[in-house]
N, C-alpha and C. Protein backbone atom coordinates (compact mmCIF):
# COMPACT_ATOMS: atom_id res chain seq x y z
N UNK A 1 -82.02 27.71 -72.94
CA UNK A 1 -82.85 27.14 -73.81
C UNK A 1 -82.99 26.01 -74.88
N UNK A 2 -83.78 25.11 -74.52
CA UNK A 2 -83.78 23.52 -75.63
C UNK A 2 -83.53 24.32 -77.16
N UNK A 3 -83.10 24.16 -77.85
CA UNK A 3 -83.19 24.06 -79.55
C UNK A 3 -84.21 23.09 -80.15
N UNK A 4 -85.09 23.85 -80.76
CA UNK A 4 -86.23 23.15 -81.24
C UNK A 4 -85.61 23.91 -83.09
N UNK A 5 -84.99 22.89 -83.56
CA UNK A 5 -84.96 22.63 -85.06
C UNK A 5 -85.36 22.60 -86.11
N UNK A 6 -86.34 21.86 -85.25
CA UNK A 6 -87.42 21.34 -86.39
C UNK A 6 -88.20 21.95 -87.07
N UNK A 7 -88.47 23.23 -86.84
CA UNK A 7 -88.73 24.03 -87.41
C UNK A 7 -88.93 25.11 -88.05
N UNK A 8 -88.23 25.10 -89.62
CA UNK A 8 -87.30 26.48 -90.08
C UNK A 8 -87.94 27.50 -90.22
N UNK A 9 -86.26 28.52 -89.58
CA UNK A 9 -87.52 29.70 -89.54
C UNK A 9 -86.52 30.99 -90.91
N UNK A 10 -87.63 31.87 -91.11
CA UNK A 10 -87.20 32.64 -91.67
C UNK A 10 -85.98 33.70 -91.55
N UNK A 11 -84.96 33.58 -91.11
CA UNK A 11 -84.06 34.55 -90.66
C UNK A 11 -83.60 35.31 -91.68
N UNK A 12 -83.95 36.61 -91.53
CA UNK A 12 -82.75 37.53 -92.03
C UNK A 12 -80.81 36.97 -92.45
N UNK A 13 -80.89 37.35 -93.77
CA UNK A 13 -79.39 36.95 -94.16
C UNK A 13 -78.88 37.00 -93.40
N UNK A 14 -78.32 38.56 -92.03
CA UNK A 14 -77.62 38.99 -91.40
C UNK A 14 -77.09 38.13 -90.09
N UNK A 15 -78.51 37.44 -89.93
CA UNK A 15 -78.92 36.46 -88.64
C UNK A 15 -78.91 34.97 -88.33
N UNK A 16 -78.39 34.38 -88.25
CA UNK A 16 -78.56 33.55 -87.26
C UNK A 16 -79.52 32.83 -87.35
N UNK A 17 -79.82 31.76 -87.73
CA UNK A 17 -81.58 30.96 -87.60
C UNK A 17 -81.82 31.12 -86.17
N UNK A 18 -80.79 29.84 -85.57
CA UNK A 18 -81.12 29.76 -83.62
C UNK A 18 -81.45 30.72 -83.22
N UNK A 19 -80.73 32.47 -83.52
CA UNK A 19 -81.09 33.44 -82.68
C UNK A 19 -82.24 34.29 -83.14
N UNK A 20 -82.33 34.48 -84.40
CA UNK A 20 -83.80 33.98 -84.91
C UNK A 20 -85.31 33.29 -84.19
N UNK A 21 -85.35 32.19 -84.14
CA UNK A 21 -85.49 31.25 -83.75
C UNK A 21 -86.18 31.96 -81.95
N UNK A 22 -84.99 32.32 -81.44
CA UNK A 22 -84.90 32.44 -80.07
C UNK A 22 -85.65 34.20 -80.35
N UNK A 23 -85.71 34.76 -81.14
CA UNK A 23 -86.11 36.08 -81.03
C UNK A 23 -87.72 35.66 -81.22
N UNK A 24 -88.25 35.04 -82.26
CA UNK A 24 -90.12 34.14 -82.10
C UNK A 24 -90.21 33.77 -80.71
N UNK A 25 -89.39 33.42 -80.13
CA UNK A 25 -90.14 32.54 -79.00
C UNK A 25 -90.33 33.35 -77.89
N UNK A 26 -89.32 34.55 -78.12
CA UNK A 26 -88.68 35.46 -76.87
C UNK A 26 -90.76 36.69 -77.49
N UNK A 27 -90.46 36.63 -78.11
CA UNK A 27 -91.92 37.85 -78.83
C UNK A 27 -93.23 37.08 -78.12
N UNK A 28 -93.22 35.66 -78.86
CA UNK A 28 -94.39 35.03 -78.08
C UNK A 28 -94.40 35.12 -76.43
N UNK A 29 -93.60 34.87 -76.12
CA UNK A 29 -93.43 34.66 -74.86
C UNK A 29 -93.82 36.63 -74.32
N UNK A 30 -93.50 37.32 -74.86
CA UNK A 30 -93.91 38.52 -74.22
C UNK A 30 -95.28 38.82 -74.90
N UNK A 31 -96.23 37.88 -75.19
CA UNK A 31 -97.32 37.97 -75.73
C UNK A 31 -98.40 37.36 -74.14
N UNK A 32 -97.55 36.17 -74.31
CA UNK A 32 -98.21 35.60 -72.81
C UNK A 32 -98.58 36.93 -71.96
N UNK A 33 -97.16 36.87 -71.46
CA UNK A 33 -96.83 38.24 -70.17
C UNK A 33 -97.91 38.91 -70.62
N UNK A 34 -98.25 39.95 -71.13
CA UNK A 34 -98.92 40.96 -71.29
C UNK A 34 -100.34 40.48 -71.80
N UNK A 35 -100.53 39.37 -71.63
CA UNK A 35 -102.40 39.00 -71.72
C UNK A 35 -102.37 38.38 -70.14
N UNK A 36 -101.79 37.98 -69.89
CA UNK A 36 -101.82 37.27 -68.53
C UNK A 36 -101.30 37.87 -67.28
N UNK A 37 -100.41 39.24 -67.56
CA UNK A 37 -100.58 40.08 -66.54
C UNK A 37 -101.71 40.62 -65.65
N UNK A 38 -102.53 40.54 -65.69
CA UNK A 38 -104.10 40.73 -64.71
C UNK A 38 -104.20 39.55 -64.30
N UNK A 39 -103.71 38.28 -64.35
CA UNK A 39 -104.41 36.87 -63.55
C UNK A 39 -103.53 37.09 -62.35
N UNK A 40 -104.61 36.31 -61.61
CA UNK A 40 -103.79 36.35 -60.37
C UNK A 40 -103.31 34.85 -59.75
N UNK A 41 -102.16 34.36 -59.53
CA UNK A 41 -100.96 35.68 -59.32
C UNK A 41 -100.51 35.86 -61.11
N UNK A 42 -99.97 36.53 -61.43
CA UNK A 42 -99.73 36.80 -62.77
C UNK A 42 -98.57 35.80 -63.29
N UNK A 43 -98.58 35.78 -64.71
CA UNK A 43 -97.77 34.86 -65.23
C UNK A 43 -96.79 35.40 -64.87
N UNK A 44 -95.25 34.27 -64.76
CA UNK A 44 -94.02 34.82 -64.58
C UNK A 44 -93.54 34.94 -65.58
N UNK A 45 -92.14 35.57 -66.43
CA UNK A 45 -91.75 35.23 -66.70
C UNK A 45 -90.79 33.83 -67.75
N UNK A 46 -90.89 32.91 -66.87
CA UNK A 46 -90.51 31.41 -66.59
C UNK A 46 -92.17 30.43 -67.13
N UNK A 47 -93.40 30.64 -67.03
CA UNK A 47 -94.67 30.22 -66.92
C UNK A 47 -94.30 30.76 -68.54
N UNK A 48 -94.27 32.21 -68.73
CA UNK A 48 -94.58 32.48 -70.43
C UNK A 48 -93.59 32.29 -70.78
N UNK A 49 -92.01 31.92 -70.79
CA UNK A 49 -91.52 31.30 -71.69
C UNK A 49 -91.59 29.78 -72.55
N UNK A 50 -92.45 29.06 -71.02
CA UNK A 50 -92.86 27.79 -71.52
C UNK A 50 -94.56 27.94 -71.78
N UNK A 51 -95.13 28.68 -71.77
CA UNK A 51 -96.53 29.12 -72.57
C UNK A 51 -95.57 28.83 -73.74
N UNK A 52 -94.51 30.05 -74.77
CA UNK A 52 -94.24 30.35 -76.21
C UNK A 52 -93.43 28.71 -76.26
N UNK A 53 -92.59 28.19 -75.75
CA UNK A 53 -91.86 26.41 -75.79
C UNK A 53 -92.80 26.08 -76.66
N UNK A 54 -93.79 25.21 -75.42
CA UNK A 54 -94.97 24.68 -75.46
C UNK A 54 -95.61 24.96 -77.44
N UNK A 55 -96.03 25.85 -77.23
CA UNK A 55 -96.85 26.78 -78.46
C UNK A 55 -96.04 26.80 -79.91
N UNK A 56 -94.30 26.68 -79.76
CA UNK A 56 -93.84 26.72 -80.85
C UNK A 56 -93.76 25.41 -80.87
N UNK A 57 -93.39 24.21 -79.79
CA UNK A 57 -93.39 22.49 -80.04
C UNK A 57 -94.68 22.27 -81.00
N UNK A 58 -95.58 22.97 -81.19
CA UNK A 58 -96.73 22.47 -81.57
C UNK A 58 -96.77 23.08 -83.62
N UNK A 59 -97.87 22.29 -83.85
CA UNK A 59 -97.74 22.52 -85.26
C UNK A 59 -98.84 23.89 -85.75
N UNK A 60 -98.64 24.53 -86.36
CA UNK A 60 -99.71 25.51 -85.90
C UNK A 60 -100.57 25.80 -87.19
N UNK A 61 -101.93 26.65 -86.89
CA UNK A 61 -103.08 26.04 -88.11
C UNK A 61 -102.45 26.23 -89.08
N UNK A 62 -101.97 27.49 -89.58
CA UNK A 62 -101.43 28.02 -90.66
C UNK A 62 -100.15 27.99 -90.67
N UNK A 63 -99.00 27.25 -90.42
CA UNK A 63 -97.76 27.20 -90.07
C UNK A 63 -97.15 27.72 -91.66
N UNK A 64 -96.45 28.44 -91.60
CA UNK A 64 -95.80 29.71 -92.56
C UNK A 64 -94.71 28.63 -93.18
N UNK A 65 -94.08 27.41 -92.43
CA UNK A 65 -93.00 26.90 -93.04
C UNK A 65 -92.00 27.72 -93.82
N UNK A 66 -90.67 29.12 -93.82
CA UNK A 66 -90.55 29.09 -92.70
C UNK A 66 -91.24 29.53 -91.89
N UNK A 67 -91.57 29.78 -90.53
CA UNK A 67 -91.98 30.37 -89.34
C UNK A 67 -91.46 32.08 -89.47
N UNK A 68 -91.55 32.57 -88.61
CA UNK A 68 -91.34 34.22 -88.81
C UNK A 68 -91.87 34.54 -87.66
N UNK A 69 -91.69 35.93 -86.69
CA UNK A 69 -92.13 36.68 -86.28
C UNK A 69 -93.10 37.12 -86.27
N UNK A 70 -93.97 37.45 -86.92
CA UNK A 70 -95.26 37.68 -87.13
C UNK A 70 -96.48 36.43 -86.67
N UNK A 71 -96.05 35.10 -87.39
CA UNK A 71 -96.76 33.87 -87.72
C UNK A 71 -95.93 33.56 -86.01
N UNK A 72 -95.39 33.95 -85.17
CA UNK A 72 -95.36 33.07 -83.90
C UNK A 72 -96.28 34.26 -83.56
N UNK A 73 -96.53 35.43 -83.45
CA UNK A 73 -97.35 36.29 -82.65
C UNK A 73 -98.67 35.94 -83.28
N UNK A 74 -99.18 35.18 -84.23
CA UNK A 74 -100.65 34.99 -84.23
C UNK A 74 -100.70 33.75 -84.17
N UNK A 75 -100.00 32.90 -83.50
CA UNK A 75 -99.93 31.54 -83.16
C UNK A 75 -100.38 31.53 -81.83
N UNK A 76 -99.13 32.50 -80.96
CA UNK A 76 -99.44 33.17 -79.47
C UNK A 76 -100.98 33.32 -79.15
N UNK A 77 -101.29 34.49 -80.08
CA UNK A 77 -102.76 34.99 -79.75
C UNK A 77 -103.74 34.17 -80.12
N UNK A 78 -103.51 33.10 -81.29
CA UNK A 78 -104.57 32.23 -80.88
C UNK A 78 -104.57 31.05 -79.54
N UNK A 79 -103.90 30.58 -79.66
CA UNK A 79 -103.45 29.79 -78.00
C UNK A 79 -104.28 30.58 -76.79
N UNK A 80 -103.62 31.99 -77.04
CA UNK A 80 -104.54 33.51 -75.88
C UNK A 80 -106.05 33.13 -75.94
N UNK A 81 -106.71 33.10 -76.88
CA UNK A 81 -108.42 33.40 -78.07
C UNK A 81 -108.57 31.92 -77.01
N UNK A 82 -108.29 31.04 -76.94
CA UNK A 82 -108.88 29.49 -76.48
C UNK A 82 -108.68 29.38 -75.06
N UNK A 83 -107.76 30.10 -74.96
CA UNK A 83 -107.71 30.45 -73.20
C UNK A 83 -109.00 30.80 -72.79
N UNK A 84 -109.03 32.42 -73.05
CA UNK A 84 -110.14 33.23 -72.83
C UNK A 84 -111.69 32.49 -73.70
N UNK A 85 -111.85 31.91 -74.36
CA UNK A 85 -112.83 31.10 -74.70
C UNK A 85 -113.45 30.02 -72.91
N UNK A 86 -112.59 29.57 -72.14
CA UNK A 86 -112.47 28.26 -71.77
C UNK A 86 -113.14 28.80 -70.84
């Protein structure tokens, strides 16, 4: 996974920021996977990771700076809500 170091993360004291960033992006990808499992064909993990990375690389409506897992979930859910509206 490419490094997206331009967005600070709120990593716990004993976790490297790069690891925490990867956890946030993986959590976002899981949200995409769960939401898109019923579409035909369903999202692959690669597609879910691509969607999560694309969302990561954008400014979020309420970007907490530093980013958290909870904020990542909200950003993915907001993106998914937009997809449903179309």
